[in-house]
PDB file of N, CA and C in Angstrom:
ATOM      1  N   MET A   1     -19.566  -8.912   9.185  1.00  0.00           N
ATOM      2  CA  MET A   1     -18.291  -9.539   9.591  1.00  0.00           C
ATOM      3  C   MET A   1     -17.537  -8.407   9.590  1.00  0.00           C
ATOM      4  N   LYS A   2     -16.259  -8.460  10.619  1.00  0.00           N
ATOM      5  CA  LYS A   2     -15.428  -7.292  10.846  1.00  0.00           C
ATOM      6  C   LYS A   2     -14.085  -7.658  10.104  1.00  0.00           C
ATOM      7  N   TYR A   3     -13.782  -6.857   9.293  1.00  0.00           N
ATOM      8  CA  TYR A   3     -12.279  -7.063   8.659  1.00  0.00           C
ATOM      9  C   TYR A   3     -10.852  -6.435   9.323  1.00  0.00           C
ATOM     10  N   ARG A   4     -11.598  -5.659  10.499  1.00  0.00           N
ATOM     11  CA  ARG A   4     -10.019  -4.984  10.745  1.00  0.00           C
ATOM     12  C   ARG A   4      -9.865  -5.064  12.357  1.00  0.00           C
ATOM     13  N   ALA A   5      -8.737  -5.100  12.830  1.00  0.00           N
ATOM     14  CA  ALA A   5      -8.006  -5.512  14.124  1.00  0.00           C
ATOM     15  C   ALA A   5      -8.605  -4.141  14.797  1.00  0.00           C
ATOM     16  N   LYS A   6      -8.499  -4.310  16.233  1.00  0.00           N
ATOM     17  CA  LYS A   6      -9.338  -3.219  16.931  1.00  0.00           C
ATOM     18  C   LYS A   6      -8.530  -2.047  17.051  1.00  0.00           C
ATOM     19  N   ALA A   7      -9.078  -1.023  16.854  1.00  0.00           N
ATOM     20  CA  ALA A   7      -8.238   0.072  16.535  1.00  0.00           C
ATOM     21  C   ALA A   7      -7.091   0.262  15.453  1.00  0.00           C
ATOM     22  N   GLY A   8      -7.394  -0.730  14.464  1.00  0.00           N
ATOM     23  CA  GLY A   8      -6.581  -0.927  13.276  1.00  0.00           C
ATOM     24  C   GLY A   8      -6.802  -0.061  12.259  1.00  0.00           C
ATOM     25  N   LYS A   9      -5.816   0.155  11.322  1.00  0.00           N
ATOM     26  CA  LYS A   9      -6.179   1.157  10.378  1.00  0.00           C
ATOM     27  C   LYS A   9      -6.265   0.435   8.979  1.00  0.00           C
ATOM     28  N   ILE A  10      -5.674  -1.203   8.896  1.00  0.00           N
ATOM     29  CA  ILE A  10      -5.512  -1.852   7.834  1.00  0.00           C
ATOM     30  C   ILE A  10      -6.969  -2.964   7.806  1.00  0.00           C
ATOM     31  N   LYS A  11      -7.472  -3.036   6.561  1.00  0.00           N
ATOM     32  CA  LYS A  11      -8.446  -3.896   6.360  1.00  0.00           C
ATOM     33  C   LYS A  11      -7.960  -5.066   5.998  1.00  0.00           C
ATOM     34  N   TYR A  12      -8.397  -6.307   6.558  1.00  0.00           N
ATOM     35  CA  TYR A  12      -7.826  -7.571   6.305  1.00  0.00           C
ATOM     36  C   TYR A  12      -8.839  -8.734   5.720  1.00  0.00           C
ATOM     37  N   GLU A  13      -9.292  -7.910   4.564  1.00  0.00           N
ATOM     38  CA  GLU A  13     -10.377  -8.826   3.989  1.00  0.00           C
ATOM     39  C   GLU A  13      -9.698  -9.798   2.927  1.00  0.00           C
ATOM     40  N   HIS A  14      -8.563  -9.248   2.454  1.00  0.00           N
ATOM     41  CA  HIS A  14      -7.809  -9.923   1.353  1.00  0.00           C
ATOM     42  C   HIS A  14      -6.773 -10.413   1.523  1.00  0.00           C
ATOM     43  N   GLY A  15      -6.177 -11.320   0.855  1.00  0.00           N
ATOM     44  CA  GLY A  15      -4.696 -11.849   1.142  1.00  0.00           C
ATOM     45  C   GLY A  15      -3.979 -10.965   0.717  1.00  0.00           C
ATOM     46  N   MET A  16      -2.678 -10.652   1.085  1.00  0.00           N
ATOM     47  CA  MET A  16      -1.673  -9.847   0.819  1.00  0.00           C
ATOM     48  C   MET A  16      -0.443 -10.475   0.331  1.00  0.00           C
ATOM     49  N   ILE A  17       0.600  -9.792  -0.616  1.00  0.00           N
ATOM     50  CA  ILE A  17       1.543 -10.453  -1.256  1.00  0.00           C
ATOM     51  C   ILE A  17       2.785 -10.213  -0.150  1.00  0.00           C
ATOM     52  N   ASP A  18       3.678 -11.111  -0.193  1.00  0.00           N
ATOM     53  CA  ASP A  18       4.560 -11.121   0.687  1.00  0.00           C
ATOM     54  C   ASP A  18       5.603  -9.745   1.091  1.00  0.00           C
ATOM     55  N   GLY A  19       5.422  -9.624   2.534  1.00  0.00           N
ATOM     56  CA  GLY A  19       5.983  -8.464   3.241  1.00  0.00           C
ATOM     57  C   GLY A  19       5.146  -7.350   3.307  1.00  0.00           C
ATOM     58  N   LEU A  20       3.845  -7.387   2.535  1.00  0.00           N
ATOM     59  CA  LEU A  20       2.725  -6.187   2.615  1.00  0.00           C
ATOM     60  C   LEU A  20       2.349  -6.027   3.949  1.00  0.00           C
ATOM     61  N   ARG A  21       1.973  -7.193   4.701  1.00  0.00           N
ATOM     62  CA  ARG A  21       1.404  -6.869   6.023  1.00  0.00           C
ATOM     63  C   ARG A  21       2.450  -6.381   7.003  1.00  0.00           C
ATOM     64  N   GLU A  22       3.720  -6.525   6.934  1.00  0.00           N
ATOM     65  CA  GLU A  22       4.665  -5.770   7.892  1.00  0.00           C
ATOM     66  C   GLU A  22       4.784  -4.389   7.364  1.00  0.00           C
ATOM     67  N   PHE A  23       4.627  -4.180   5.993  1.00  0.00           N
ATOM     68  CA  PHE A  23       4.889  -2.967   5.497  1.00  0.00           C
ATOM     69  C   PHE A  23       3.755  -1.856   5.751  1.00  0.00           C
ATOM     70  N   LEU A  24       2.602  -2.319   5.985  1.00  0.00           N
ATOM     71  CA  LEU A  24       1.453  -1.709   6.440  1.00  0.00           C
ATOM     72  C   LEU A  24       1.183  -1.593   7.839  1.00  0.00           C
ATOM     73  N   GLU A  25       1.755  -2.685   8.496  1.00  0.00           N
ATOM     74  CA  GLU A  25       1.547  -2.481   9.949  1.00  0.00           C
ATOM     75  C   GLU A  25       2.671  -1.328  10.379  1.00  0.00           C
ATOM     76  N   SER A  26       3.808  -1.274   9.571  1.00  0.00           N
ATOM     77  CA  SER A  26       4.907  -0.198   9.959  1.00  0.00           C
ATOM     78  C   SER A  26       4.414   1.429   9.674  1.00  0.00           C
ATOM     79  N   LEU A  27       3.483   1.406   8.766  1.00  0.00           N
ATOM     80  CA  LEU A  27       2.789   2.924   8.912  1.00  0.00           C
ATOM     81  C   LEU A  27       1.703   3.115   9.446  1.00  0.00           C
ATOM     82  N   GLN A  28       0.929   1.802  10.231  1.00  0.00           N
ATOM     83  CA  GLN A  28      -0.360   2.203  10.985  1.00  0.00           C
ATOM     84  C   GLN A  28      -0.156   2.893  11.888  1.00  0.00           C
ATOM     85  N   LYS A  29       1.070   3.276  12.515  1.00  0.00           N
ATOM     86  CA  LYS A  29       1.194   4.302  13.727  1.00  0.00           C
ATOM     87  C   LYS A  29       1.285   5.602  13.157  1.00  0.00           C
ATOM     88  N   ASN A  30       1.452   6.050  12.219  1.00  0.00           N
ATOM     89  CA  ASN A  30       1.338   7.480  11.539  1.00  0.00           C
ATOM     90  C   ASN A  30      -0.116   8.052  11.479  1.00  0.00           C
ATOM     91  N   PRO A  31      -0.252   9.199  12.014  1.00  0.00           N
ATOM     92  CA  PRO A  31      -1.646   9.717  12.281  1.00  0.00           C
ATOM     93  C   PRO A  31      -1.786  10.353  10.848  1.00  0.00           C
ATOM     94  N   ASN A  32      -1.247  10.459  10.019  1.00  0.00           N
ATOM     95  CA  ASN A  32      -1.892  10.985   8.809  1.00  0.00           C
ATOM     96  C   ASN A  32      -2.404  10.285   7.715  1.00  0.00           C
ATOM     97  N   ILE A  33      -2.217   8.774   8.042  1.00  0.00           N
ATOM     98  CA  ILE A  33      -2.857   7.909   7.537  1.00  0.00           C
ATOM     99  C   ILE A  33      -4.269   7.315   8.111  1.00  0.00           C
ATOM    100  N   GLN A  34      -5.423   7.493   7.670  1.00  0.00           N
ATOM    101  CA  GLN A  34      -6.583   7.029   8.184  1.00  0.00           C
ATOM    102  C   GLN A  34      -6.964   5.541   7.928  1.00  0.00           C
ATOM    103  N   SER A  35      -6.459   5.179   6.675  1.00  0.00           N
ATOM    104  CA  SER A  35      -7.011   3.627   6.461  1.00  0.00           C
ATOM    105  C   SER A  35      -5.963   3.036   5.455  1.00  0.00           C
ATOM    106  N   MET A  36      -6.043   1.917   5.390  1.00  0.00           N
ATOM    107  CA  MET A  36      -4.922   1.345   4.172  1.00  0.00           C
ATOM    108  C   MET A  36      -6.148   0.071   4.042  1.00  0.00           C
ATOM    109  N   ILE A  37      -6.446  -0.312   2.654  1.00  0.00           N
ATOM    110  CA  ILE A  37      -7.301  -1.168   2.005  1.00  0.00           C
ATOM    111  C   ILE A  37      -6.455  -1.797   1.218  1.00  0.00           C
ATOM    112  N   PRO A  38      -6.071  -3.036   1.201  1.00  0.00           N
ATOM    113  CA  PRO A  38      -5.390  -3.959   0.240  1.00  0.00           C
ATOM    114  C   PRO A  38      -6.477  -4.506  -0.759  1.00  0.00           C
ATOM    115  N   GLY A  39      -5.871  -4.589  -2.076  1.00  0.00           N
ATOM    116  CA  GLY A  39      -7.194  -4.732  -2.978  1.00  0.00           C
ATOM    117  C   GLY A  39      -6.439  -6.220  -3.898  1.00  0.00           C
ATOM    118  N   GLU A  40      -7.057  -6.165  -5.221  1.00  0.00           N
ATOM    119  CA  GLU A  40      -6.503  -6.948  -6.030  1.00  0.00           C
ATOM    120  C   GLU A  40      -4.805  -7.294  -6.227  1.00  0.00           C
ATOM    121  N   ILE A  41      -4.873  -8.762  -6.413  1.00  0.00           N
ATOM    122  CA  ILE A  41      -3.283  -9.292  -6.686  1.00  0.00           C
ATOM    123  C   ILE A  41      -3.362  -9.630  -8.234  1.00  0.00           C
ATOM    124  N   LYS A  42      -2.331  -9.265  -8.778  1.00  0.00           N
ATOM    125  CA  LYS A  42      -2.171  -9.926 -10.380  1.00  0.00           C
ATOM    126  C   LYS A  42      -0.724 -10.375 -10.289  1.00  0.00           C
ATOM    127  N   PRO A  43      -0.571 -11.434 -10.919  1.00  0.00           N
ATOM    128  CA  PRO A  43       1.096 -11.900 -11.459  1.00  0.00           C
ATOM    129  C   PRO A  43       1.682 -11.020 -12.021  1.00  0.00           C
ATOM    130  N   VAL A  44       2.972 -11.038 -12.371  1.00  0.00           N
ATOM    131  CA  VAL A  44       3.868 -10.329 -13.144  1.00  0.00           C
ATOM    132  C   VAL A  44       5.055 -11.123 -13.447  1.00  0.00           C
ATOM    133  N   LYS A  45       5.709 -10.591 -14.594  1.00  0.00           N
ATOM    134  CA  LYS A  45       6.728 -11.625 -15.061  1.00  0.00           C
ATOM    135  C   LYS A  45       8.085 -11.283 -14.491  1.00  0.00           C
ATOM    136  N   THR A  46       8.413 -10.114 -13.550  1.00  0.00           N
ATOM    137  CA  THR A  46       9.403  -9.745 -12.961  1.00  0.00           C
ATOM    138  C   THR A  46       9.213  -9.970 -11.401  1.00  0.00           C
ATOM    139  N   SER A  47      10.596 -10.095 -10.900  1.00  0.00           N
ATOM    140  CA  SER A  47      10.589 -10.412  -9.293  1.00  0.00           C
ATOM    141  C   SER A  47      11.387  -9.159  -8.848  1.00  0.00           C
ATOM    142  N   SER A  48      10.883  -8.806  -7.416  1.00  0.00           N
ATOM    143  CA  SER A  48      11.753  -7.861  -6.947  1.00  0.00           C
ATOM    144  C   SER A  48      11.227  -7.706  -5.494  1.00  0.00           C
ATOM    145  N   SER A  49      12.129  -6.970  -4.709  1.00  0.00           N
ATOM    146  CA  SER A  49      11.561  -6.995  -3.142  1.00  0.00           C
ATOM    147  C   SER A  49      10.512  -6.012  -3.039  1.00  0.00           C
ATOM    148  N   LEU A  50       9.729  -5.799  -1.905  1.00  0.00           N
ATOM    149  CA  LEU A  50       8.850  -4.985  -1.907  1.00  0.00           C
ATOM    150  C   LEU A  50       9.043  -3.705  -2.046  1.00  0.00           C
ATOM    151  N   GLN A  51       8.385  -3.081  -3.058  1.00  0.00           N
ATOM    152  CA  GLN A  51       8.301  -1.585  -3.589  1.00  0.00           C
ATOM    153  C   GLN A  51       7.117  -1.188  -4.134  1.00  0.00           C
ATOM    154  N   ILE A  52       6.975  -0.038  -3.980  1.00  0.00           N
ATOM    155  CA  ILE A  52       5.761   0.784  -4.503  1.00  0.00           C
ATOM    156  C   ILE A  52       6.134   1.206  -6.331  1.00  0.00           C
ATOM    157  N   ARG A  53       5.284   0.262  -7.188  1.00  0.00           N
ATOM    158  CA  ARG A  53       5.431   0.569  -8.414  1.00  0.00           C
ATOM    159  C   ARG A  53       4.848   1.759  -9.020  1.00  0.00           C
ATOM    160  N   ARG A  54       3.574   2.212  -8.791  1.00  0.00           N
ATOM    161  CA  ARG A  54       3.070   3.340  -9.049  1.00  0.00           C
ATOM    162  C   ARG A  54       2.233   4.020  -8.016  1.00  0.00           C
ATOM    163  N   LEU A  55       2.069   5.168  -8.017  1.00  0.00           N
ATOM    164  CA  LEU A  55       1.245   5.862  -7.039  1.00  0.00           C
ATOM    165  C   LEU A  55       0.677   6.926  -7.749  1.00  0.00           C
ATOM    166  N   MET A  56      -0.840   6.545  -7.581  1.00  0.00           N
ATOM    167  CA  MET A  56      -1.981   7.601  -8.483  1.00  0.00           C
ATOM    168  C   MET A  56      -2.933   8.120  -7.305  1.00  0.00           C
ATOM    169  N   PRO A  57      -3.076   9.398  -7.405  1.00  0.00           N
ATOM    170  CA  PRO A  57      -3.994  10.045  -6.812  1.00  0.00           C
ATOM    171  C   PRO A  57      -5.640   9.506  -6.933  1.00  0.00           C
ATOM    172  N   THR A  58      -5.984   9.439  -5.898  1.00  0.00           N
ATOM    173  CA  THR A  58      -7.569   9.289  -5.564  1.00  0.00           C
ATOM    174  C   THR A  58      -8.534  10.462  -5.083  1.00  0.00           C
ATOM    175  N   SER A  59      -9.783  10.334  -4.878  1.00  0.00           N
ATOM    176  CA  SER A  59     -10.572  11.250  -4.238  1.00  0.00           C
ATOM    177  C   SER A  59     -10.475  11.186  -2.915  1.00  0.00           C
ATOM    178  N   THR A  60     -10.063  10.311  -2.146  1.00  0.00           N
ATOM    179  CA  THR A  60      -9.686  10.082  -0.810  1.00  0.00           C
ATOM    180  C   THR A  60      -8.285   9.763  -0.374  1.00  0.00           C
ATOM    181  N   GLY A  61      -7.134   9.902  -1.431  1.00  0.00           N
ATOM    182  CA  GLY A  61      -5.925   9.824  -1.131  1.00  0.00           C
ATOM    183  C   GLY A  61      -4.971   9.350  -2.568  1.00  0.00           C
ATOM    184  N   PHE A  62      -4.450   7.827  -1.973  1.00  0.00           N
ATOM    185  CA  PHE A  62      -3.857   7.497  -3.062  1.00  0.00           C
ATOM    186  C   PHE A  62      -3.981   5.755  -3.334  1.00  0.00           C
ATOM    187  N   LYS A  63      -3.980   5.703  -4.585  1.00  0.00           N
ATOM    188  CA  LYS A  63      -3.714   4.026  -4.853  1.00  0.00           C
ATOM    189  C   LYS A  63      -2.273   3.665  -5.222  1.00  0.00           C
ATOM    190  N   ALA A  64      -2.124   2.707  -4.699  1.00  0.00           N
ATOM    191  CA  ALA A  64      -0.558   2.317  -4.942  1.00  0.00           C
ATOM    192  C   ALA A  64      -0.628   0.883  -5.498  1.00  0.00           C
ATOM    193  N   LEU A  65       0.470   0.643  -6.471  1.00  0.00           N
ATOM    194  CA  LEU A  65       0.547  -0.510  -7.032  1.00  0.00           C
ATOM    195  C   LEU A  65       2.024  -1.154  -6.453  1.00  0.00           C
ATOM    196  N   ILE A  66       1.813  -2.104  -5.445  1.00  0.00           N
ATOM    197  CA  ILE A  66       3.064  -2.273  -4.704  1.00  0.00           C
ATOM    198  C   ILE A  66       3.348  -4.045  -5.269  1.00  0.00           C
ATOM    199  N   GLN A  67       4.608  -4.059  -5.525  1.00  0.00           N
ATOM    200  CA  GLN A  67       5.157  -5.243  -6.358  1.00  0.00           C
ATOM    201  C   GLN A  67       5.980  -5.930  -5.177  1.00  0.00           C
ATOM    202  N   SER A  68       5.941  -7.274  -5.124  1.00  0.00           N
ATOM    203  CA  SER A  68       6.842  -7.768  -4.364  1.00  0.00           C
ATOM    204  C   SER A  68       6.994  -9.487  -5.053  1.00  0.00           C
ATOM    205  N   GLY A  69       7.983 -10.011  -5.347  1.00  0.00           N
ATOM    206  CA  GLY A  69       8.092 -11.345  -5.608  1.00  0.00           C
ATOM    207  C   GLY A  69       7.653 -11.307  -7.225  1.00  0.00           C
ATOM    208  N   GLY A  70       6.984 -11.994  -7.383  1.00  0.00           N
ATOM    209  CA  GLY A  70       6.195 -12.329  -8.824  1.00  0.00           C
ATOM    210  C   GLY A  70       4.735 -11.622  -8.815  1.00  0.00           C
ATOM    211  N   ALA A  71       4.157 -11.093  -7.732  1.00  0.00           N
ATOM    212  CA  ALA A  71       3.181 -10.424  -7.918  1.00  0.00           C
ATOM    213  C   ALA A  71       2.894  -8.848  -7.359  1.00  0.00           C
ATOM    214  N   VAL A  72       1.752  -8.293  -8.007  1.00  0.00           N
ATOM    215  CA  VAL A  72       1.671  -6.783  -7.660  1.00  0.00           C
ATOM    216  C   VAL A  72       0.276  -6.564  -7.320  1.00  0.00           C
ATOM    217  N   GLN A  73       0.305  -5.562  -6.143  1.00  0.00           N
ATOM    218  CA  GLN A  73      -1.114  -5.807  -5.535  1.00  0.00           C
ATOM    219  C   GLN A  73      -1.341  -4.251  -5.159  1.00  0.00           C
ATOM    220  N   GLU A  74      -3.004  -4.295  -5.601  1.00  0.00           N
ATOM    221  CA  GLU A  74      -3.462  -2.302  -5.070  1.00  0.00           C
ATOM    222  C   GLU A  74      -3.466  -2.053  -3.890  1.00  0.00           C
ATOM    223  N   VAL A  75      -3.177  -1.433  -3.359  1.00  0.00           N
ATOM    224  CA  VAL A  75      -3.485  -0.981  -1.811  1.00  0.00           C
ATOM    225  C   VAL A  75      -3.965   0.761  -1.918  1.00  0.00           C
ATOM    226  N   PHE A  76      -4.897   0.826  -1.418  1.00  0.00           N
ATOM    227  CA  PHE A  76      -5.790   2.207  -1.385  1.00  0.00           C
ATOM    228  C   PHE A  76      -5.264   2.871   0.218  1.00  0.00           C
ATOM    229  N   PHE A  77      -4.796   3.899   0.007  1.00  0.00           N
ATOM    230  CA  PHE A  77      -4.151   4.693   1.304  1.00  0.00           C
ATOM    231  C   PHE A  77      -5.538   5.958   1.317  1.00  0.00           C
ATOM    232  N   ILE A  78      -5.936   5.951   2.850  1.00  0.00           N
ATOM    233  CA  ILE A  78      -6.928   7.006   2.847  1.00  0.00           C
ATOM    234  C   ILE A  78      -6.343   8.002   3.443  1.00  0.00           C
ATOM    235  N   GLY A  79      -6.461   9.230   3.311  1.00  0.00           N
ATOM    236  CA  GLY A  79      -5.962  10.416   4.117  1.00  0.00           C
ATOM    237  C   GLY A  79      -5.688  11.570   3.274  1.00  0.00           C
ATOM    238  N   GLU A  80      -5.114  12.705   3.866  1.00  0.00           N
ATOM    239  CA  GLU A  80      -4.764  13.649   3.119  1.00  0.00           C
ATOM    240  C   GLU A  80      -3.742  13.826   2.300  1.00  0.00           C
ATOM    241  N   GLU A  81      -4.192  14.025   0.738  1.00  0.00           N
ATOM    242  CA  GLU A  81      -3.226  13.749  -0.248  1.00  0.00           C
ATOM    243  C   GLU A  81      -1.556  14.212   0.009  1.00  0.00           C
ATOM    244  N   ALA A  82      -1.504  15.404   0.472  1.00  0.00           N
ATOM    245  CA  ALA A  82      -0.165  16.034   0.408  1.00  0.00           C
ATOM    246  C   ALA A  82       0.706  15.224   1.723  1.00  0.00           C
ATOM    247  N   GLN A  83      -0.143  14.897   2.587  1.00  0.00           N
ATOM    248  CA  GLN A  83       0.921  14.135   3.644  1.00  0.00           C
ATOM    249  C   GLN A  83       1.141  12.506   3.229  1.00  0.00           C
ATOM    250  N   LEU A  84       0.087  12.028   2.672  1.00  0.00           N
ATOM    251  CA  LEU A  84       0.181  10.666   2.093  1.00  0.00           C
ATOM    252  C   LEU A  84       1.530  10.636   1.271  1.00  0.00           C
ATOM    253  N   LYS A  85       1.479  11.770   0.316  1.00  0.00           N
ATOM    254  CA  LYS A  85       2.530  11.578  -0.794  1.00  0.00           C
ATOM    255  C   LYS A  85       4.079  11.741   0.078  1.00  0.00           C
ATOM    256  N   LEU A  86       4.228  12.269   0.989  1.00  0.00           N
ATOM    257  CA  LEU A  86       5.244  12.714   1.614  1.00  0.00           C
ATOM    258  C   LEU A  86       5.753  11.133   2.461  1.00  0.00           C
ATOM    259  N   ILE A  87       4.686  10.467   2.741  1.00  0.00           N
ATOM    260  CA  ILE A  87       4.873   9.276   3.608  1.00  0.00           C
ATOM    261  C   ILE A  87       5.582   8.211   2.657  1.00  0.00           C
ATOM    262  N   LEU A  88       4.658   8.122   1.450  1.00  0.00           N
ATOM    263  CA  LEU A  88       4.704   6.985   0.335  1.00  0.00           C
ATOM    264  C   LEU A  88       6.074   7.290  -0.797  1.00  0.00           C
ATOM    265  N   GLU A  89       6.409   8.459  -0.754  1.00  0.00           N
ATOM    266  CA  GLU A  89       7.296   8.677  -2.033  1.00  0.00           C
ATOM    267  C   GLU A  89       8.867   8.111  -1.765  1.00  0.00           C
ATOM    268  N   PRO A  90       9.128   7.881  -0.209  1.00  0.00           N
ATOM    269  CA  PRO A  90      10.434   7.161  -0.227  1.00  0.00           C
ATOM    270  C   PRO A  90      10.569   5.944  -0.348  1.00  0.00           C
ATOM    271  N   PHE A  91       9.145   5.001  -0.577  1.00  0.00           N
ATOM    272  CA  PHE A  91       9.229   3.543  -0.839  1.00  0.00           C
ATOM    273  C   PHE A  91       8.852   3.338  -2.281  1.00  0.00           C
ATOM    274  N   CYS A  92       8.785   4.339  -3.410  1.00  0.00           N
ATOM    275  CA  CYS A  92       8.284   4.315  -4.709  1.00  0.00           C
ATOM    276  C   CYS A  92       9.489   3.892  -5.331  1.00  0.00           C
ATOM    277  N   LEU A  93       9.541   3.072  -6.494  1.00  0.00           N
ATOM    278  CA  LEU A  93      10.448   2.722  -7.503  1.00  0.00           C
ATOM    279  C   LEU A  93      11.163   4.112  -8.079  1.00  0.00           C
ATOM    280  N   LYS A  94      12.515   4.094  -8.252  1.00  0.00           N
ATOM    281  CA  LYS A  94      13.173   5.016  -9.070  1.00  0.00           C
ATOM    282  C   LYS A  94      13.434   4.796  -9.957  1.00  0.00           C
ATOM    283  N   LYS A  95      12.985   5.465 -11.040  1.00  0.00           N
ATOM    284  CA  LYS A  95      13.061   5.120 -12.597  1.00  0.00           C
ATOM    285  C   LYS A  95      14.435   6.315 -12.940  1.00  0.00           C
ATOM    286  N   ASN A  96      15.371   5.419 -13.793  1.00  0.00           N
ATOM    287  CA  ASN A  96      16.773   5.874 -14.498  1.00  0.00           C
ATOM    288  C   ASN A  96      16.215   6.863 -15.611  1.00  0.00           C
ATOM    289  N   THR A  97      16.488   8.007 -15.235  1.00  0.00           N
ATOM    290  CA  THR A  97      16.160   8.970 -16.608  1.00  0.00           C
ATOM    291  C   THR A  97      17.440   9.570 -17.222  1.00  0.00           C
TER     292      THR A  97
END
């Protein structure tokens, strides 16, 4: 079974939280991103607009925890780590220190 659109970088096997599909489609044109794979969705107590809550490096790129509404979803970004970090950091939640 095929889970990607023709010439697409997004895997559509799993459901997506509100706003995530549009966010990933906006990043799809970036040549530094090889693939984006949405994963598990978990409920959370807080509600917010779409934002990256946490960004963790993996052997192939980054794992992001993206929150929207009352849910958070894992999304794996495949590509060169330094370039991915520059692309994704502007969308990360800013912590007050």
